[in-house]
Amino acid sequence: MVQETVDRPTYSVELTDAAIAKVTDLLRREEPGLALQISVQPGGCSGLRYQLFFTGTYAKVLAKTLAEHDDEGFAEEDDTDTAAQRAALAADKMSVLWYDRFAVVIDPQSGPYLTGASIDYQDTLQKSGFTIDNPNATGSCACGDSFQ
């Protein structure tokens, strides 16, 4: 994992190898350039619920950053779309974490709830899906979908 900080807070969230493998597999079936966004929203029986989804909002700037990293310093001037997305990423104060070949973005409202959390993927006969072990949660519902 590589953390990128550009005048914005960085929130530390760990993805297990199983979660990284699943996200990578899911992204193979999606439009190139998507990032995994992790957020916390009001809802659920315990008050807050996790949301994991793919976003293309910052696709160009994240793809360019990945390419520059892969090319060890290759840099060219931003096109208009990339410059606009770079400005939006900074204005939105999104924290960006890199895993293998994809980015994870976390908004500043969700970051404090997620710092230190570990995200895993389980695929068993009884359960299939992402699970979040969050040291900031003081309680959760029986289904594990929401927390306090």
N, C-alpha and C. Protein backbone atom coordinates (compact mmCIF):
# COMPACT_ATOMS: atom_id res chain seq x y z
N MET A 1 0.84 -1.18 0.00
CA MET A 1 0.00 0.00 0.00
C MET A 1 0.89 1.24 0.00
N VAL A 2 0.52 2.22 -0.79
CA VAL A 2 1.20 3.51 -0.83
C VAL A 2 0.18 4.57 -0.47
N GLN A 3 0.56 5.47 0.39
CA GLN A 3 -0.35 6.56 0.76
C GLN A 3 0.11 7.82 0.06
N GLU A 4 -0.83 8.54 -0.53
CA GLU A 4 -0.53 9.80 -1.19
C GLU A 4 -1.13 10.92 -0.36
N THR A 5 -0.32 11.92 -0.02
CA THR A 5 -0.84 13.06 0.71
C THR A 5 -0.48 14.33 -0.03
N VAL A 6 -1.46 15.12 -0.35
CA VAL A 6 -1.27 16.39 -1.02
C VAL A 6 -2.19 17.39 -0.34
N ASP A 7 -1.72 18.00 0.74
CA ASP A 7 -2.52 18.98 1.49
C ASP A 7 -3.90 18.45 1.87
N ARG A 8 -3.98 17.21 2.22
CA ARG A 8 -5.25 16.64 2.68
C ARG A 8 -4.91 15.55 3.69
N PRO A 9 -5.83 15.29 4.60
CA PRO A 9 -5.57 14.27 5.62
C PRO A 9 -5.49 12.88 4.99
N THR A 10 -4.76 12.00 5.64
CA THR A 10 -4.68 10.62 5.19
C THR A 10 -5.27 9.74 6.27
N TYR A 11 -6.22 8.93 5.88
CA TYR A 11 -6.85 8.01 6.82
C TYR A 11 -6.38 6.62 6.48
N SER A 12 -5.92 5.90 7.48
CA SER A 12 -5.33 4.59 7.28
C SER A 12 -6.38 3.49 7.39
N VAL A 13 -6.58 2.80 6.30
CA VAL A 13 -7.48 1.65 6.25
C VAL A 13 -6.69 0.52 5.60
N GLU A 14 -6.73 -0.65 6.20
CA GLU A 14 -6.00 -1.79 5.66
C GLU A 14 -6.95 -2.73 4.93
N LEU A 15 -6.54 -3.20 3.78
CA LEU A 15 -7.27 -4.25 3.07
C LEU A 15 -6.43 -5.53 3.17
N THR A 16 -7.08 -6.63 3.52
CA THR A 16 -6.36 -7.90 3.58
C THR A 16 -6.06 -8.36 2.16
N ASP A 17 -5.20 -9.37 2.04
CA ASP A 17 -4.89 -9.93 0.72
C ASP A 17 -6.14 -10.43 0.02
N ALA A 18 -7.06 -11.02 0.77
CA ALA A 18 -8.31 -11.52 0.18
C ALA A 18 -9.15 -10.36 -0.36
N ALA A 19 -9.22 -9.25 0.38
CA ALA A 19 -9.99 -8.09 -0.06
C ALA A 19 -9.34 -7.46 -1.30
N ILE A 20 -8.02 -7.35 -1.31
CA ILE A 20 -7.31 -6.81 -2.47
C ILE A 20 -7.58 -7.67 -3.70
N ALA A 21 -7.50 -8.98 -3.54
CA ALA A 21 -7.74 -9.89 -4.66
C ALA A 21 -9.16 -9.75 -5.19
N LYS A 22 -10.15 -9.62 -4.30
CA LYS A 22 -11.54 -9.49 -4.74
C LYS A 22 -11.78 -8.17 -5.45
N VAL A 23 -11.26 -7.07 -4.92
CA VAL A 23 -11.43 -5.78 -5.57
C VAL A 23 -10.76 -5.80 -6.94
N THR A 24 -9.56 -6.35 -7.01
CA THR A 24 -8.86 -6.45 -8.30
C THR A 24 -9.69 -7.26 -9.30
N ASP A 25 -10.26 -8.38 -8.85
CA ASP A 25 -11.10 -9.20 -9.71
C ASP A 25 -12.34 -8.44 -10.17
N LEU A 26 -13.00 -7.75 -9.26
CA LEU A 26 -14.19 -6.98 -9.62
C LEU A 26 -13.87 -5.86 -10.60
N LEU A 27 -12.72 -5.22 -10.43
CA LEU A 27 -12.35 -4.12 -11.31
C LEU A 27 -12.03 -4.60 -12.72
N ARG A 28 -11.63 -5.84 -12.87
CA ARG A 28 -11.38 -6.38 -14.22
C ARG A 28 -12.64 -6.38 -15.07
N ARG A 29 -13.78 -6.45 -14.42
CA ARG A 29 -15.06 -6.50 -15.12
C ARG A 29 -15.68 -5.11 -15.31
N GLU A 30 -15.05 -4.09 -14.77
CA GLU A 30 -15.61 -2.74 -14.79
C GLU A 30 -14.85 -1.86 -15.78
N GLU A 31 -15.34 -0.67 -15.89
CA GLU A 31 -14.72 0.35 -16.71
C GLU A 31 -13.33 0.69 -16.14
N PRO A 32 -12.31 0.81 -16.99
CA PRO A 32 -10.97 1.14 -16.49
C PRO A 32 -10.95 2.49 -15.76
N GLY A 33 -10.10 2.60 -14.74
CA GLY A 33 -9.91 3.86 -14.05
C GLY A 33 -10.77 4.07 -12.82
N LEU A 34 -11.58 3.10 -12.46
CA LEU A 34 -12.42 3.26 -11.28
C LEU A 34 -11.59 3.09 -10.00
N ALA A 35 -12.02 3.76 -8.95
CA ALA A 35 -11.40 3.62 -7.64
C ALA A 35 -12.44 3.07 -6.67
N LEU A 36 -11.98 2.39 -5.63
CA LEU A 36 -12.88 1.92 -4.58
C LEU A 36 -13.05 3.07 -3.59
N GLN A 37 -14.29 3.49 -3.38
CA GLN A 37 -14.56 4.51 -2.37
C GLN A 37 -15.19 3.83 -1.17
N ILE A 38 -14.67 4.17 0.00
CA ILE A 38 -15.18 3.65 1.26
C ILE A 38 -15.72 4.83 2.04
N SER A 39 -16.97 4.73 2.46
CA SER A 39 -17.54 5.83 3.21
C SER A 39 -18.45 5.31 4.32
N VAL A 40 -18.79 6.21 5.20
CA VAL A 40 -19.70 5.94 6.30
C VAL A 40 -20.88 6.88 6.13
N GLN A 41 -22.09 6.33 6.19
CA GLN A 41 -23.31 7.12 6.01
C GLN A 41 -24.26 6.84 7.17
N PRO A 42 -25.13 7.80 7.49
CA PRO A 42 -26.16 7.53 8.50
C PRO A 42 -27.09 6.42 8.01
N GLY A 43 -27.51 5.56 8.92
CA GLY A 43 -28.45 4.50 8.55
C GLY A 43 -28.16 3.21 9.27
N GLY A 44 -28.94 2.20 8.97
CA GLY A 44 -28.79 0.91 9.62
C GLY A 44 -29.38 0.93 11.01
N CYS A 45 -29.47 -0.23 11.63
CA CYS A 45 -30.10 -0.31 12.94
C CYS A 45 -29.22 0.23 14.07
N SER A 46 -27.92 0.41 13.82
CA SER A 46 -27.04 0.95 14.87
C SER A 46 -26.68 2.41 14.66
N GLY A 47 -27.14 3.02 13.58
CA GLY A 47 -26.92 4.45 13.39
C GLY A 47 -26.03 4.82 12.22
N LEU A 48 -25.00 4.03 11.94
CA LEU A 48 -24.08 4.29 10.84
C LEU A 48 -23.89 3.03 10.03
N ARG A 49 -23.68 3.18 8.72
CA ARG A 49 -23.44 2.00 7.89
C ARG A 49 -22.31 2.29 6.91
N TYR A 50 -21.57 1.23 6.60
CA TYR A 50 -20.47 1.32 5.65
C TYR A 50 -21.01 1.27 4.23
N GLN A 51 -20.33 1.98 3.33
CA GLN A 51 -20.63 1.88 1.92
C GLN A 51 -19.32 1.70 1.17
N LEU A 52 -19.26 0.66 0.36
CA LEU A 52 -18.13 0.41 -0.52
C LEU A 52 -18.68 0.42 -1.93
N PHE A 53 -18.09 1.24 -2.79
CA PHE A 53 -18.56 1.31 -4.17
C PHE A 53 -17.43 1.80 -5.07
N PHE A 54 -17.58 1.56 -6.35
CA PHE A 54 -16.61 2.04 -7.32
C PHE A 54 -17.03 3.42 -7.82
N THR A 55 -16.05 4.32 -7.92
CA THR A 55 -16.31 5.67 -8.40
C THR A 55 -15.36 6.01 -9.53
N GLY A 56 -15.87 6.73 -10.50
CA GLY A 56 -15.05 7.21 -11.61
C GLY A 56 -14.80 8.70 -11.52
N THR A 57 -15.19 9.32 -10.42
CA THR A 57 -15.10 10.76 -10.27
C THR A 57 -13.69 11.29 -10.48
N TYR A 58 -12.68 10.56 -10.02
CA TYR A 58 -11.30 11.02 -10.11
C TYR A 58 -10.47 10.10 -11.00
N ALA A 59 -11.10 9.39 -11.92
CA ALA A 59 -10.46 8.33 -12.70
C ALA A 59 -9.23 8.80 -13.46
N LYS A 60 -9.32 9.91 -14.16
CA LYS A 60 -8.19 10.35 -14.97
C LYS A 60 -6.97 10.70 -14.13
N VAL A 61 -7.18 11.46 -13.05
CA VAL A 61 -6.04 11.88 -12.25
C VAL A 61 -5.43 10.68 -11.51
N LEU A 62 -6.26 9.75 -11.05
CA LEU A 62 -5.72 8.57 -10.37
C LEU A 62 -4.98 7.67 -11.35
N ALA A 63 -5.52 7.50 -12.57
CA ALA A 63 -4.84 6.70 -13.58
C ALA A 63 -3.50 7.33 -13.95
N LYS A 64 -3.47 8.64 -14.07
CA LYS A 64 -2.22 9.33 -14.40
C LYS A 64 -1.20 9.18 -13.28
N THR A 65 -1.65 9.32 -12.04
CA THR A 65 -0.75 9.15 -10.90
C THR A 65 -0.17 7.75 -10.88
N LEU A 66 -0.99 6.74 -11.16
CA LEU A 66 -0.52 5.36 -11.21
C LEU A 66 0.49 5.20 -12.33
N ALA A 67 0.22 5.75 -13.50
CA ALA A 67 1.14 5.65 -14.63
C ALA A 67 2.47 6.33 -14.31
N GLU A 68 2.42 7.49 -13.68
CA GLU A 68 3.65 8.19 -13.31
C GLU A 68 4.45 7.38 -12.31
N HIS A 69 3.76 6.74 -11.37
CA HIS A 69 4.43 5.89 -10.38
C HIS A 69 5.07 4.69 -11.06
N ASP A 70 4.35 4.06 -11.99
CA ASP A 70 4.87 2.90 -12.71
C ASP A 70 6.06 3.28 -13.59
N ASP A 71 6.02 4.49 -14.16
CA ASP A 71 7.09 4.93 -15.05
C ASP A 71 8.22 5.63 -14.31
N GLU A 72 8.18 5.59 -13.00
CA GLU A 72 9.21 6.17 -12.14
C GLU A 72 9.52 7.61 -12.49
N GLY A 73 8.54 8.44 -12.34
CA GLY A 73 8.77 9.86 -12.49
C GLY A 73 8.34 10.42 -13.83
N PHE A 74 7.83 9.63 -14.73
CA PHE A 74 7.32 10.16 -15.99
C PHE A 74 6.24 11.16 -15.68
N ALA A 75 6.38 12.34 -16.23
CA ALA A 75 5.36 13.36 -15.98
C ALA A 75 5.12 14.15 -17.25
N GLU A 76 3.89 14.41 -17.50
CA GLU A 76 3.52 15.30 -18.59
C GLU A 76 2.45 16.23 -18.06
N GLU A 77 2.22 17.28 -18.78
CA GLU A 77 1.25 18.26 -18.32
C GLU A 77 -0.16 17.66 -18.32
N ASP A 78 -0.95 18.05 -17.32
CA ASP A 78 -2.34 17.59 -17.23
C ASP A 78 -3.16 18.13 -18.39
N ASP A 79 -4.06 17.29 -18.94
CA ASP A 79 -5.05 17.83 -19.87
C ASP A 79 -6.13 18.50 -19.03
N THR A 80 -7.09 19.11 -19.68
CA THR A 80 -8.12 19.88 -18.96
C THR A 80 -8.92 19.02 -17.99
N ASP A 81 -9.34 17.81 -18.44
CA ASP A 81 -10.12 16.92 -17.57
C ASP A 81 -9.31 16.47 -16.37
N THR A 82 -8.04 16.10 -16.60
CA THR A 82 -7.18 15.63 -15.51
C THR A 82 -6.93 16.74 -14.51
N ALA A 83 -6.67 17.95 -15.00
CA ALA A 83 -6.44 19.09 -14.10
C ALA A 83 -7.69 19.37 -13.27
N ALA A 84 -8.86 19.28 -13.88
CA ALA A 84 -10.11 19.51 -13.16
C ALA A 84 -10.32 18.45 -12.09
N GLN A 85 -10.01 17.19 -12.43
CA GLN A 85 -10.18 16.12 -11.44
C GLN A 85 -9.15 16.26 -10.31
N ARG A 86 -7.93 16.67 -10.64
CA ARG A 86 -6.91 16.88 -9.60
C ARG A 86 -7.39 17.98 -8.64
N ALA A 87 -7.97 19.04 -9.18
CA ALA A 87 -8.49 20.13 -8.35
C ALA A 87 -9.67 19.64 -7.50
N ALA A 88 -10.54 18.83 -8.08
CA ALA A 88 -11.68 18.29 -7.33
C ALA A 88 -11.22 17.37 -6.21
N LEU A 89 -10.21 16.54 -6.48
CA LEU A 89 -9.68 15.63 -5.47
C LEU A 89 -9.14 16.42 -4.28
N ALA A 90 -8.42 17.51 -4.56
CA ALA A 90 -7.89 18.35 -3.49
C ALA A 90 -9.02 19.11 -2.79
N ALA A 91 -9.96 19.67 -3.55
CA ALA A 91 -11.07 20.43 -2.96
C ALA A 91 -11.95 19.55 -2.08
N ASP A 92 -12.16 18.31 -2.51
CA ASP A 92 -12.98 17.38 -1.75
C ASP A 92 -12.23 16.80 -0.55
N LYS A 93 -10.92 17.09 -0.47
CA LYS A 93 -10.06 16.62 0.62
C LYS A 93 -10.10 15.09 0.76
N MET A 94 -10.14 14.41 -0.39
CA MET A 94 -10.19 12.96 -0.39
C MET A 94 -8.82 12.39 -0.03
N SER A 95 -8.81 11.42 0.83
CA SER A 95 -7.60 10.68 1.16
C SER A 95 -7.47 9.56 0.13
N VAL A 96 -6.27 9.36 -0.41
CA VAL A 96 -6.04 8.35 -1.44
C VAL A 96 -5.03 7.33 -0.92
N LEU A 97 -5.42 6.07 -0.97
CA LEU A 97 -4.53 4.96 -0.61
C LEU A 97 -4.39 4.07 -1.84
N TRP A 98 -3.18 3.60 -2.12
CA TRP A 98 -2.95 2.75 -3.30
C TRP A 98 -2.73 1.30 -2.88
N TYR A 99 -3.43 0.40 -3.53
CA TYR A 99 -3.26 -1.03 -3.33
C TYR A 99 -3.05 -1.66 -4.70
N ASP A 100 -1.95 -2.35 -4.88
CA ASP A 100 -1.65 -2.99 -6.16
C ASP A 100 -1.90 -2.01 -7.30
N ARG A 101 -2.94 -2.27 -8.09
CA ARG A 101 -3.20 -1.47 -9.28
C ARG A 101 -4.50 -0.67 -9.18
N PHE A 102 -4.93 -0.35 -7.96
CA PHE A 102 -6.13 0.46 -7.80
C PHE A 102 -5.98 1.40 -6.61
N ALA A 103 -6.83 2.42 -6.61
CA ALA A 103 -6.82 3.40 -5.53
C ALA A 103 -8.06 3.21 -4.67
N VAL A 104 -7.90 3.53 -3.41
CA VAL A 104 -9.01 3.60 -2.46
C VAL A 104 -9.12 5.07 -2.07
N VAL A 105 -10.32 5.62 -2.16
CA VAL A 105 -10.53 7.01 -1.75
C VAL A 105 -11.49 7.05 -0.57
N ILE A 106 -11.18 7.95 0.36
CA ILE A 106 -11.99 8.09 1.58
C ILE A 106 -12.26 9.58 1.79
N ASP A 107 -13.52 9.93 1.96
CA ASP A 107 -13.89 11.33 2.16
C ASP A 107 -13.55 11.76 3.59
N PRO A 108 -13.36 13.07 3.82
CA PRO A 108 -12.94 13.54 5.14
C PRO A 108 -13.98 13.35 6.25
N GLN A 109 -15.26 13.22 5.91
CA GLN A 109 -16.27 12.98 6.94
C GLN A 109 -16.22 11.52 7.42
N SER A 110 -15.88 10.61 6.53
CA SER A 110 -15.84 9.18 6.87
C SER A 110 -14.51 8.77 7.48
N GLY A 111 -13.45 9.47 7.12
CA GLY A 111 -12.11 9.09 7.55
C GLY A 111 -11.93 8.84 9.03
N PRO A 112 -12.38 9.75 9.90
CA PRO A 112 -12.20 9.51 11.34
C PRO A 112 -12.90 8.24 11.83
N TYR A 113 -14.02 7.87 11.21
CA TYR A 113 -14.72 6.65 11.60
C TYR A 113 -13.96 5.40 11.13
N LEU A 114 -13.18 5.54 10.07
CA LEU A 114 -12.55 4.38 9.43
C LEU A 114 -11.08 4.18 9.79
N THR A 115 -10.44 5.18 10.37
CA THR A 115 -9.01 5.06 10.66
C THR A 115 -8.73 3.85 11.53
N GLY A 116 -7.82 3.03 11.05
CA GLY A 116 -7.44 1.82 11.78
C GLY A 116 -8.27 0.60 11.43
N ALA A 117 -9.28 0.76 10.59
CA ALA A 117 -10.15 -0.37 10.23
C ALA A 117 -9.43 -1.31 9.27
N SER A 118 -9.83 -2.56 9.34
CA SER A 118 -9.31 -3.60 8.45
C SER A 118 -10.48 -4.18 7.66
N ILE A 119 -10.31 -4.25 6.35
CA ILE A 119 -11.37 -4.76 5.48
C ILE A 119 -10.92 -6.09 4.90
N ASP A 120 -11.76 -7.09 5.06
CA ASP A 120 -11.47 -8.45 4.59
C ASP A 120 -12.57 -8.88 3.63
N TYR A 121 -12.29 -9.92 2.86
CA TYR A 121 -13.32 -10.52 2.02
C TYR A 121 -13.41 -11.99 2.38
N GLN A 122 -14.62 -12.45 2.65
CA GLN A 122 -14.85 -13.85 3.00
C GLN A 122 -15.76 -14.48 1.96
N ASP A 123 -15.46 -15.72 1.61
CA ASP A 123 -16.29 -16.46 0.67
C ASP A 123 -16.40 -17.88 1.19
N THR A 124 -17.45 -18.11 1.97
CA THR A 124 -17.68 -19.44 2.55
C THR A 124 -19.07 -19.91 2.14
N LEU A 125 -19.44 -21.09 2.57
CA LEU A 125 -20.78 -21.60 2.27
C LEU A 125 -21.86 -20.76 2.94
N GLN A 126 -21.55 -20.19 4.08
CA GLN A 126 -22.55 -19.42 4.83
C GLN A 126 -22.53 -17.92 4.55
N LYS A 127 -21.39 -17.40 4.09
CA LYS A 127 -21.29 -15.96 3.93
C LYS A 127 -20.31 -15.61 2.82
N SER A 128 -20.69 -14.63 2.04
CA SER A 128 -19.81 -14.13 1.00
C SER A 128 -19.92 -12.61 1.00
N GLY A 129 -18.80 -11.93 1.17
CA GLY A 129 -18.82 -10.48 1.14
C GLY A 129 -17.68 -9.87 1.93
N PHE A 130 -17.64 -8.55 1.89
CA PHE A 130 -16.62 -7.80 2.62
C PHE A 130 -17.04 -7.66 4.08
N THR A 131 -16.07 -7.77 4.97
CA THR A 131 -16.30 -7.55 6.39
C THR A 131 -15.33 -6.46 6.86
N ILE A 132 -15.77 -5.69 7.82
CA ILE A 132 -14.95 -4.59 8.32
C ILE A 132 -14.76 -4.75 9.82
N ASP A 133 -13.50 -4.84 10.22
CA ASP A 133 -13.14 -4.87 11.64
C ASP A 133 -12.70 -3.46 11.99
N ASN A 134 -13.54 -2.76 12.75
CA ASN A 134 -13.31 -1.35 13.00
C ASN A 134 -13.12 -1.09 14.49
N PRO A 135 -11.91 -0.68 14.90
CA PRO A 135 -11.66 -0.41 16.33
C PRO A 135 -12.42 0.81 16.84
N ASN A 136 -12.95 1.64 15.94
CA ASN A 136 -13.69 2.84 16.34
C ASN A 136 -15.15 2.56 16.65
N ALA A 137 -15.65 1.39 16.26
CA ALA A 137 -17.06 1.04 16.48
C ALA A 137 -17.25 0.62 17.93
N THR A 138 -18.24 1.23 18.58
CA THR A 138 -18.52 0.87 19.98
C THR A 138 -19.60 -0.19 20.09
N GLY A 139 -20.27 -0.47 18.99
CA GLY A 139 -21.31 -1.49 18.96
C GLY A 139 -21.77 -1.68 17.53
N SER A 140 -22.39 -2.81 17.28
CA SER A 140 -22.91 -3.05 15.92
C SER A 140 -24.17 -3.90 16.03
N CYS A 141 -24.90 -3.96 14.92
CA CYS A 141 -26.11 -4.76 14.90
C CYS A 141 -25.74 -6.22 14.66
N ALA A 142 -26.69 -7.10 14.80
CA ALA A 142 -26.45 -8.53 14.65
C ALA A 142 -25.95 -8.90 13.26
N CYS A 143 -26.45 -8.20 12.23
CA CYS A 143 -26.04 -8.54 10.87
C CYS A 143 -24.65 -8.01 10.55
N GLY A 144 -24.12 -7.09 11.36
CA GLY A 144 -22.78 -6.53 11.12
C GLY A 144 -22.74 -5.48 10.04
N ASP A 145 -23.89 -5.06 9.54
CA ASP A 145 -23.95 -4.09 8.45
C ASP A 145 -23.86 -2.65 8.95
N SER A 146 -24.20 -2.42 10.20
CA SER A 146 -24.14 -1.05 10.72
C SER A 146 -23.45 -1.05 12.08
N PHE A 147 -23.05 0.15 12.52
CA PHE A 147 -22.29 0.27 13.76
C PHE A 147 -22.57 1.60 14.43
N GLN A 148 -22.07 1.73 15.66
CA GLN A 148 -22.16 2.99 16.43
C GLN A 148 -20.77 3.56 16.57
